[in-house]
Protein backbone atom coordinates (compact mmCIF):
# COMPACT_ATOMS: atom_id res chain seq x y z
CA UNK A 1 13.75 -6.52 -28.70
CA UNK A 2 14.56 -4.18 -31.58
CA UNK A 3 15.50 -0.61 -30.70
CA UNK A 4 12.34 0.90 -32.24
CA UNK A 5 10.13 -1.36 -30.11
CA UNK A 6 12.10 -0.41 -27.01
CA UNK A 7 11.73 3.25 -27.93
CA UNK A 8 8.00 2.76 -28.40
CA UNK A 9 7.40 1.15 -25.02
CA UNK A 10 9.62 3.58 -23.12
CA UNK A 11 7.96 6.56 -24.79
CA UNK A 12 4.57 4.94 -24.14
CA UNK A 13 5.35 4.95 -20.42
CA UNK A 14 6.81 8.46 -20.67
CA UNK A 15 3.77 9.82 -22.53
CA UNK A 16 1.48 8.14 -19.99
CA UNK A 17 3.29 9.75 -17.04
CA UNK A 18 3.49 13.14 -18.75
CA UNK A 19 -0.19 13.12 -19.70
CA UNK A 20 -1.13 11.98 -16.20
CA UNK A 21 0.95 14.77 -14.65
CA UNK A 22 -0.76 17.35 -16.88
CA UNK A 23 -4.25 16.14 -15.98
CA UNK A 24 -3.25 15.94 -12.29
CA UNK A 25 -2.60 19.70 -12.32
CA UNK A 26 -4.90 21.37 -14.86
CA UNK A 27 -8.41 20.36 -13.60
CA UNK A 28 -7.57 21.67 -10.11
CA UNK A 29 -6.26 25.11 -11.07
CA UNK A 30 -9.65 26.83 -10.43
CA UNK A 31 -9.82 25.29 -6.94
CA UNK A 32 -6.19 26.24 -6.31
CA UNK A 33 -7.03 29.87 -7.14
CA UNK A 34 -9.49 29.88 -4.26
CA UNK A 35 -6.85 28.35 -2.01
CA UNK A 36 -4.35 31.14 -2.71
CA UNK A 37 -6.93 33.83 -2.00
CA UNK A 38 -8.54 34.66 -5.36
CA UNK A 39 -12.12 35.23 -4.24
CA UNK A 40 -13.17 37.69 -6.97
CA UNK A 41 -13.16 37.18 -10.75
CA UNK A 42 -12.12 33.55 -10.22
CA UNK A 43 -13.71 32.48 -13.51
CA UNK A 44 -11.83 35.20 -15.40
CA UNK A 45 -8.53 34.19 -13.84
CA UNK A 46 -9.24 30.53 -14.61
CA UNK A 47 -9.90 31.34 -18.27
CA UNK A 48 -6.72 33.42 -18.52
CA UNK A 49 -4.64 30.66 -16.96
CA UNK A 50 -5.99 28.04 -19.36
CA UNK A 51 -5.57 30.22 -22.46
CA UNK A 52 -2.12 31.54 -21.56
CA UNK A 53 -0.37 28.20 -21.98
CA UNK A 54 -2.14 27.50 -25.30
CA UNK A 55 -1.18 30.92 -26.64
CA UNK A 56 2.45 30.64 -25.53
CA UNK A 57 2.68 27.12 -26.93
CA UNK A 58 1.33 28.23 -30.31
CA UNK A 59 4.14 30.78 -30.52
CA UNK A 60 6.98 28.57 -29.30
CA UNK A 61 6.25 25.24 -31.01
CA UNK A 62 7.70 26.13 -34.46
CA UNK A 63 10.99 27.23 -32.85
CA UNK A 64 11.35 23.97 -30.93
CA UNK A 65 10.48 22.06 -34.12
CA UNK A 66 13.32 23.83 -35.95
CA UNK A 67 15.78 22.97 -33.16
CA UNK A 68 14.65 19.34 -33.14
CA UNK A 69 15.52 19.05 -36.84
CA UNK A 70 18.96 20.45 -36.09
CA UNK A 71 19.86 18.70 -32.83
CA UNK A 72 17.49 15.74 -32.64
CA UNK A 73 14.09 14.93 -31.17
CA UNK A 74 15.49 13.19 -28.09
CA UNK A 75 17.22 16.37 -26.78
CA UNK A 76 13.97 18.29 -27.25
CA UNK A 77 12.01 15.69 -25.27
CA UNK A 78 14.56 15.91 -22.45
CA UNK A 79 14.47 19.72 -22.53
CA UNK A 80 10.67 19.75 -22.30
CA UNK A 81 10.64 17.15 -19.54
CA UNK A 82 13.11 19.06 -17.36
CA UNK A 83 11.18 22.30 -17.93
CA UNK A 84 7.86 20.70 -16.94
CA UNK A 85 9.45 19.13 -13.84
CA UNK A 86 10.68 22.55 -12.68
CA UNK A 87 7.40 24.31 -13.52
CA UNK A 88 5.13 21.79 -11.80
CA UNK A 89 7.37 21.75 -8.75
CA UNK A 90 7.40 25.55 -8.52
CA UNK A 91 3.61 25.57 -8.87
CA UNK A 92 3.44 23.93 -5.46
CA UNK A 93 4.96 27.08 -3.93
CA UNK A 94 3.04 29.93 -5.62
CA UNK A 95 1.27 32.45 -3.38
CA UNK A 96 -0.69 34.60 -5.85
CA UNK A 97 -2.33 34.30 -9.29
CA UNK A 98 0.39 36.35 -11.01
CA UNK A 99 3.04 33.79 -10.13
CA UNK A 100 0.72 31.05 -11.36
CA UNK A 101 0.13 32.92 -14.63
CA UNK A 102 3.88 33.30 -15.17
CA UNK A 103 4.40 29.57 -14.68
CA UNK A 104 1.55 28.77 -17.10
CA UNK A 105 3.13 30.99 -19.75
CA UNK A 106 6.49 29.30 -19.17
CA UNK A 107 4.79 25.93 -19.46
CA UNK A 108 3.42 26.88 -22.87
CA UNK A 109 6.76 28.26 -24.04
CA UNK A 110 8.92 25.34 -22.86
CA UNK A 111 6.75 22.21 -23.04
CA UNK A 112 6.61 19.73 -25.91
CA UNK A 113 7.36 16.28 -24.44
CA UNK A 114 4.55 14.42 -26.22
CA UNK A 115 4.92 16.20 -29.63
CA UNK A 116 8.64 15.38 -29.43
CA UNK A 117 7.84 11.75 -28.66
CA UNK A 118 5.47 11.60 -31.64
CA UNK A 119 8.13 13.09 -33.94
CA UNK A 120 10.78 10.63 -32.73
CA UNK A 121 8.47 7.64 -33.11
CA UNK A 122 7.35 8.82 -36.57
CA UNK A 123 10.96 8.98 -37.76
CA UNK A 124 12.44 5.94 -36.00
CA UNK A 125 9.78 3.33 -36.72
CA UNK A 126 9.56 1.07 -39.81
CA UNK A 127 7.11 2.46 -42.37
CA UNK A 128 4.72 -0.48 -42.07
CA UNK A 129 4.50 -0.03 -38.27
CA UNK A 130 4.13 3.76 -38.03
CA UNK A 131 0.33 3.66 -37.70
CA UNK A 132 0.43 1.18 -34.86
CA UNK A 133 3.24 3.08 -33.08
CA UNK A 134 1.49 6.46 -33.30
CA UNK A 135 -1.77 4.91 -32.10
CA UNK A 136 0.06 3.45 -29.10
CA UNK A 137 1.45 6.88 -28.13
CA UNK A 138 -2.07 8.30 -28.48
CA UNK A 139 -3.36 5.49 -26.26
CA UNK A 140 -0.73 6.33 -23.64
CA UNK A 141 -1.80 9.98 -23.69
CA UNK A 142 -5.46 9.02 -23.33
CA UNK A 143 -4.70 6.59 -20.51
CA UNK A 144 -2.75 9.22 -18.62
CA UNK A 145 -5.60 11.66 -19.16
CA UNK A 146 -8.00 9.22 -17.51
CA UNK A 147 -5.75 8.27 -14.59
CA UNK A 148 -4.33 11.74 -13.90
CA UNK A 149 -7.44 13.46 -12.48
CA UNK A 150 -8.18 10.46 -10.25
CA UNK A 151 -4.58 10.38 -9.00
CA UNK A 152 -4.38 14.15 -8.59
CA UNK A 153 -7.73 14.31 -6.84
CA UNK A 154 -6.74 11.52 -4.47
CA UNK A 155 -3.41 13.13 -3.58
CA UNK A 156 -5.05 16.54 -3.19
CA UNK A 157 -7.67 15.06 -0.87
CA UNK A 158 -5.04 13.41 1.32
CA UNK A 159 -2.16 15.91 1.23
CA UNK A 160 -3.46 19.05 -0.50
CA UNK A 161 -3.19 20.59 -3.94
CA UNK A 162 0.38 21.76 -3.47
CA UNK A 163 1.62 18.22 -2.87
CA UNK A 164 -0.37 17.05 -5.90
CA UNK A 165 1.45 19.61 -8.07
CA UNK A 166 4.81 18.49 -6.71
CA UNK A 167 3.86 14.86 -7.39
CA UNK A 168 3.09 15.80 -11.00
CA UNK A 169 6.62 17.21 -11.26
CA UNK A 170 8.06 13.94 -9.98
CA UNK A 171 6.13 11.97 -12.62
CA UNK A 172 7.53 14.14 -15.41
CA UNK A 173 11.03 13.79 -13.95
CA UNK A 174 10.70 9.98 -14.07
CA UNK A 175 9.47 10.21 -17.68
CA UNK A 176 12.52 12.28 -18.59
CA UNK A 177 14.93 9.86 -16.92
CA UNK A 178 13.48 7.02 -18.99
CA UNK A 179 14.23 8.94 -22.19
CA UNK A 180 17.74 9.93 -21.11
CA UNK A 181 18.89 6.40 -20.34
CA UNK A 182 16.91 4.11 -22.65
CA UNK A 183 15.65 5.91 -25.77
CA UNK A 184 17.93 5.83 -28.81
CA UNK A 185 17.48 8.05 -31.85
CA UNK A 186 19.38 6.24 -34.59
CA UNK A 187 17.55 7.47 -37.66
CA UNK A 188 18.40 11.17 -37.56
CA UNK A 189 20.07 13.39 -40.14
CA UNK A 190 20.72 16.91 -38.81
CA UNK A 191 19.35 19.75 -40.86
CA UNK A 192 22.32 22.12 -41.18
CA UNK A 193 20.70 24.64 -43.49
CA UNK A 194 20.29 28.14 -42.12
CA UNK A 195 16.81 29.54 -42.07
CA UNK A 196 14.03 30.88 -39.92
CA UNK A 197 10.55 30.01 -38.73
CA UNK A 198 9.20 32.30 -41.47
CA UNK A 199 11.02 30.23 -44.10
CA UNK A 200 9.64 27.06 -42.50
CA UNK A 201 6.11 28.47 -42.76
CA UNK A 202 6.71 29.33 -46.44
CA UNK A 203 7.98 25.81 -47.11
CA UNK A 204 4.98 24.33 -45.32
CA UNK A 205 2.64 26.59 -47.30
CA UNK A 206 4.06 25.14 -50.51
CA UNK A 207 3.13 21.62 -49.34
CA UNK A 208 -0.57 21.40 -50.14
CA UNK A 209 -1.19 18.12 -48.33
CA UNK A 210 0.56 19.28 -45.16
CA UNK A 211 -1.40 22.56 -45.14
CA UNK A 212 -4.65 20.60 -45.38
CA UNK A 213 -3.49 18.42 -42.48
CA UNK A 214 -2.78 21.52 -40.37
CA UNK A 215 -6.19 23.00 -41.13
CA UNK A 216 -7.74 19.67 -40.12
CA UNK A 217 -5.77 19.81 -36.87
CA UNK A 218 -7.14 23.28 -36.08
CA UNK A 219 -10.73 22.24 -36.82
CA UNK A 220 -10.49 18.90 -35.02
CA UNK A 221 -8.80 20.33 -31.93
CA UNK A 222 -11.33 23.17 -31.90
CA UNK A 223 -14.24 20.73 -32.11
CA UNK A 224 -12.83 18.65 -29.27
CA UNK A 225 -12.65 21.68 -26.96
CA UNK A 226 -16.00 23.33 -27.78
CA UNK A 227 -17.89 21.02 -25.46
CA UNK A 228 -15.71 21.55 -22.36
CA UNK A 229 -17.30 24.81 -21.10
CA UNK A 230 -20.86 23.46 -21.29
CA UNK A 231 -20.61 19.75 -20.46
CA UNK A 232 -21.08 20.08 -16.66
CA UNK A 233 -24.14 22.28 -17.27
CA UNK A 234 -25.54 19.78 -19.74
CA UNK A 235 -25.06 16.94 -17.26
CA UNK A 236 -27.07 18.88 -14.66
CA UNK A 237 -29.76 19.40 -17.29
CA UNK A 238 -29.85 15.66 -17.99
CA UNK A 239 -30.68 14.96 -14.36
CA UNK A 240 -27.36 14.81 -12.53
CA UNK A 241 -27.44 16.56 -9.17
CA UNK A 242 -25.64 19.89 -9.24
CA UNK A 243 -23.49 18.99 -6.24
CA UNK A 244 -22.24 15.87 -8.06
CA UNK A 245 -21.88 17.52 -11.48
CA UNK A 246 -18.08 17.82 -11.29
CA UNK A 247 -17.64 14.15 -10.43
CA UNK A 248 -20.12 12.94 -13.04
CA UNK A 249 -18.64 15.30 -15.65
CA UNK A 250 -15.20 13.86 -14.91
CA UNK A 251 -16.50 10.33 -15.47
CA UNK A 252 -18.28 11.31 -18.70
CA UNK A 253 -15.17 13.17 -19.89
CA UNK A 254 -13.08 10.05 -19.31
CA UNK A 255 -15.30 7.73 -21.38
CA UNK A 256 -13.78 8.67 -24.77
CA UNK A 257 -10.34 8.22 -23.22
CA UNK A 258 -11.26 4.74 -22.01
CA UNK A 259 -12.53 3.91 -25.50
CA UNK A 260 -9.23 5.15 -26.91
CA UNK A 261 -7.25 2.83 -24.64
CA UNK A 262 -9.28 -0.15 -25.83
CA UNK A 263 -9.65 0.60 -29.55
CA UNK A 264 -6.64 2.84 -30.35
CA UNK A 265 -4.23 -0.01 -31.22
CA UNK A 266 -6.83 -1.52 -33.58
CA UNK A 267 -7.10 1.72 -35.57
CA UNK A 268 -3.31 1.98 -35.71
CA UNK A 269 -2.92 -1.50 -37.21
CA UNK A 270 -5.82 -0.82 -39.58
CA UNK A 271 -4.12 2.41 -40.74
CA UNK A 272 -0.96 0.47 -41.57
CA UNK A 273 -3.06 -1.72 -43.88
CA UNK A 274 -5.43 0.74 -45.57
CA UNK A 275 -3.70 4.10 -45.08
CA UNK A 276 -4.03 7.02 -42.67
CA UNK A 277 -6.35 9.00 -44.92
CA UNK A 278 -9.06 6.33 -45.00
CA UNK A 279 -8.87 5.79 -41.25
CA UNK A 280 -9.05 9.55 -40.68
CA UNK A 281 -12.21 9.81 -42.79
CA UNK A 282 -13.82 6.92 -40.88
CA UNK A 283 -12.84 8.42 -37.52
CA UNK A 284 -14.16 11.89 -38.39
CA UNK A 285 -17.42 10.51 -39.81
CA UNK A 286 -17.98 8.30 -36.75
CA UNK A 287 -17.06 11.21 -34.47
CA UNK A 288 -19.51 13.53 -36.24
CA UNK A 289 -22.36 11.00 -36.05
CA UNK A 290 -21.56 10.35 -32.38
CA UNK A 291 -21.58 14.09 -31.67
CA UNK A 292 -24.96 14.59 -33.36
CA UNK A 293 -26.31 11.57 -31.46
CA UNK A 294 -25.42 13.20 -28.13
CA UNK A 295 -28.15 15.77 -28.81
CA UNK A 296 -30.85 13.09 -28.83
CA UNK A 297 -30.57 11.51 -25.40
CA UNK A 298 -32.33 13.09 -22.44
CA UNK A 299 -30.89 10.77 -19.81
CA UNK A 300 -27.37 10.61 -18.43
CA UNK A 301 -26.97 6.87 -19.11
CA UNK A 302 -27.85 7.06 -22.78
CA UNK A 303 -25.66 10.14 -23.15
CA UNK A 304 -22.74 8.31 -21.51
CA UNK A 305 -23.09 5.30 -23.84
CA UNK A 306 -23.04 7.59 -26.88
CA UNK A 307 -19.98 9.43 -25.50
CA UNK A 308 -18.18 6.08 -25.26
CA UNK A 309 -19.16 5.14 -28.82
CA UNK A 310 -18.02 8.58 -29.99
CA UNK A 311 -14.64 7.79 -28.42
CA UNK A 312 -14.39 4.47 -30.28
CA UNK A 313 -14.24 6.33 -33.60
CA UNK A 314 -12.70 9.64 -32.57
CA UNK A 315 -9.63 7.94 -31.07
CA UNK A 316 -8.60 7.13 -34.66
CA UNK A 317 -8.39 10.79 -35.64
CA UNK A 318 -5.26 12.28 -34.06
CA UNK A 319 -2.97 9.27 -34.68
CA UNK A 320 -4.11 9.36 -38.33
CA UNK A 321 -3.40 13.10 -38.52
CA UNK A 322 0.07 12.50 -37.06
CA UNK A 323 0.58 9.72 -39.59
CA UNK A 324 -0.31 12.08 -42.42
CA UNK A 325 2.25 14.55 -41.07
CA UNK A 326 4.88 11.79 -41.33
CA UNK A 327 3.75 10.73 -44.80
CA UNK A 328 3.46 14.25 -46.25
CA UNK A 329 6.79 15.74 -45.12
CA UNK A 330 10.47 15.10 -45.68
CA UNK A 331 12.37 13.40 -42.89
CA UNK A 332 14.69 16.40 -42.37
CA UNK A 333 11.66 18.71 -42.07
CA UNK A 334 9.66 16.49 -39.75
CA UNK A 335 10.53 18.16 -36.45
CA UNK A 336 9.48 21.51 -37.87
CA UNK A 337 6.36 19.90 -39.34
CA UNK A 338 5.28 18.57 -35.96
CA UNK A 339 6.13 21.93 -34.38
CA UNK A 340 3.89 23.75 -36.85
CA UNK A 341 1.18 21.14 -36.43
CA UNK A 342 1.41 21.57 -32.65
CA UNK A 343 0.85 25.30 -33.19
CA UNK A 344 -2.28 24.42 -35.18
CA UNK A 345 -3.38 22.16 -32.32
CA UNK A 346 -2.84 24.94 -29.76
CA UNK A 347 -4.79 27.44 -31.89
CA UNK A 348 -7.72 25.02 -32.05
CA UNK A 349 -7.44 24.50 -28.29
CA UNK A 350 -7.72 28.27 -27.75
CA UNK A 351 -10.61 28.85 -30.12
CA UNK A 352 -12.73 25.83 -29.15
CA UNK A 353 -13.68 26.79 -25.57
CA UNK A 354 -14.46 30.35 -26.65
CA UNK A 355 -16.81 29.13 -29.39
CA UNK A 356 -18.46 26.60 -27.08
CA UNK A 357 -18.91 29.10 -24.27
CA UNK A 358 -20.28 31.78 -26.61
CA UNK A 359 -22.76 29.49 -28.35
CA UNK A 360 -23.80 27.81 -25.09
CA UNK A 361 -24.42 31.21 -23.50
CA UNK A 362 -26.79 32.37 -26.28
CA UNK A 363 -28.42 29.23 -27.67
CA UNK A 364 -29.59 25.90 -26.16
CA UNK A 365 -26.67 23.70 -25.13
CA UNK A 366 -27.58 21.15 -27.82
CA UNK A 367 -26.52 23.76 -30.37
CA UNK A 368 -22.90 23.29 -29.24
CA UNK A 369 -23.08 19.60 -30.18
CA UNK A 370 -24.59 20.49 -33.54
CA UNK A 371 -21.83 23.01 -34.33
CA UNK A 372 -19.19 20.53 -33.18
CA UNK A 373 -20.62 17.86 -35.49
CA UNK A 374 -20.56 20.32 -38.41
CA UNK A 375 -16.90 21.08 -37.69
CA UNK A 376 -16.06 17.37 -37.81
CA UNK A 377 -17.94 16.98 -41.10
CA UNK A 378 -15.92 19.92 -42.48
CA UNK A 379 -12.70 18.25 -41.34
CA UNK A 380 -13.81 15.01 -43.02
CA UNK A 381 -14.35 16.93 -46.26
CA UNK A 382 -10.81 18.27 -45.99
CA UNK A 383 -9.51 14.73 -45.43
CA UNK A 384 -10.81 13.81 -48.90
CA UNK A 385 -8.54 16.51 -50.31
CA UNK A 386 -5.43 15.33 -48.44
CA UNK A 387 -4.04 13.11 -51.18
CA UNK A 388 -0.41 12.34 -50.54
CA UNK A 389 2.24 12.89 -53.18
CA UNK A 390 5.40 10.74 -53.24
CA UNK A 391 8.29 12.22 -51.27
CA UNK A 392 11.94 12.12 -52.21
CA UNK A 393 13.08 11.09 -48.76
CA UNK A 394 11.36 8.19 -47.04
CA UNK A 395 12.41 6.55 -43.80
CA UNK A 396 13.84 3.06 -44.30
CA UNK A 397 14.42 2.09 -40.70
């Protein structure tokens, strides 16, 4: 087995474990607040905890991207993995919401396992296999996102939330050990030039294609998160019993992830043949149509089928965006590029729930789907503008 294939499969497992550990912890934070005695303003505390990590991550990502270009992507993956292991383990011992908030901020500041894995794969994979490799990492993330809540919920039911958090830390630790002992980063040229994050932003601003890709990341990430605050309410409206809304919402949430596991590798191979830009346009168009279609159905079964079909197309989007990051940036700038793009992703993740909650609180819930579809159409329009120019440095692994 060639080293890039070994890297891919090890990082696939690592991304799966890391994504599973994240989704083992995050969905249960509101319930954990009640457990540690937060009986008032629980919703406010929950919102602050969710937003804090996104905000901290948006600030820190460019700095870690700069360091990855200087010292390598593998050290940054290991750093993030160790940090997450410590943070998740400490979460099992918190006694008040302030300690939990501090750990969430530290998580945002120090994490970056999966972005680091994407950057390493994008730089250490043959050019004609990059699409497939990035799609596989995306599939691992989606798979972990599906399995994590089930695993975390099961452990929490048997042993309690604290043990579930500690178990998440163990999963990240195993992911980090895999990288330490078996991942090799051969294709890496250190960037020794002195500079700053501000200079990186200026260089990125001069790259028209990359700036378009970052704007698409903000819009796409925002559109993905707009539905989260209102989906359980919409499921109740469609006929699901209120007492089962959380379970049914979890199943409906997982459907696009299941579609990604099945169809993600296909889109990756297709992108290697026709290009990331074309696949991105198809994915955004299919995602927009699927989002609009979710407004039509008045029954939970029809809505679930459409959610799955939405996932078939939308799973092509983020691997294609990551592929465009690889294609539109120099190899020695790629760590910083993924750091900046991760900041764009975090900004979209912060804005999306606020937009969805605001619109859903004033207008009918279907309006959220309409706005989300419009956002995806806007992103598709931007994808038409993202024409790649030849780069001086191209990976020849």
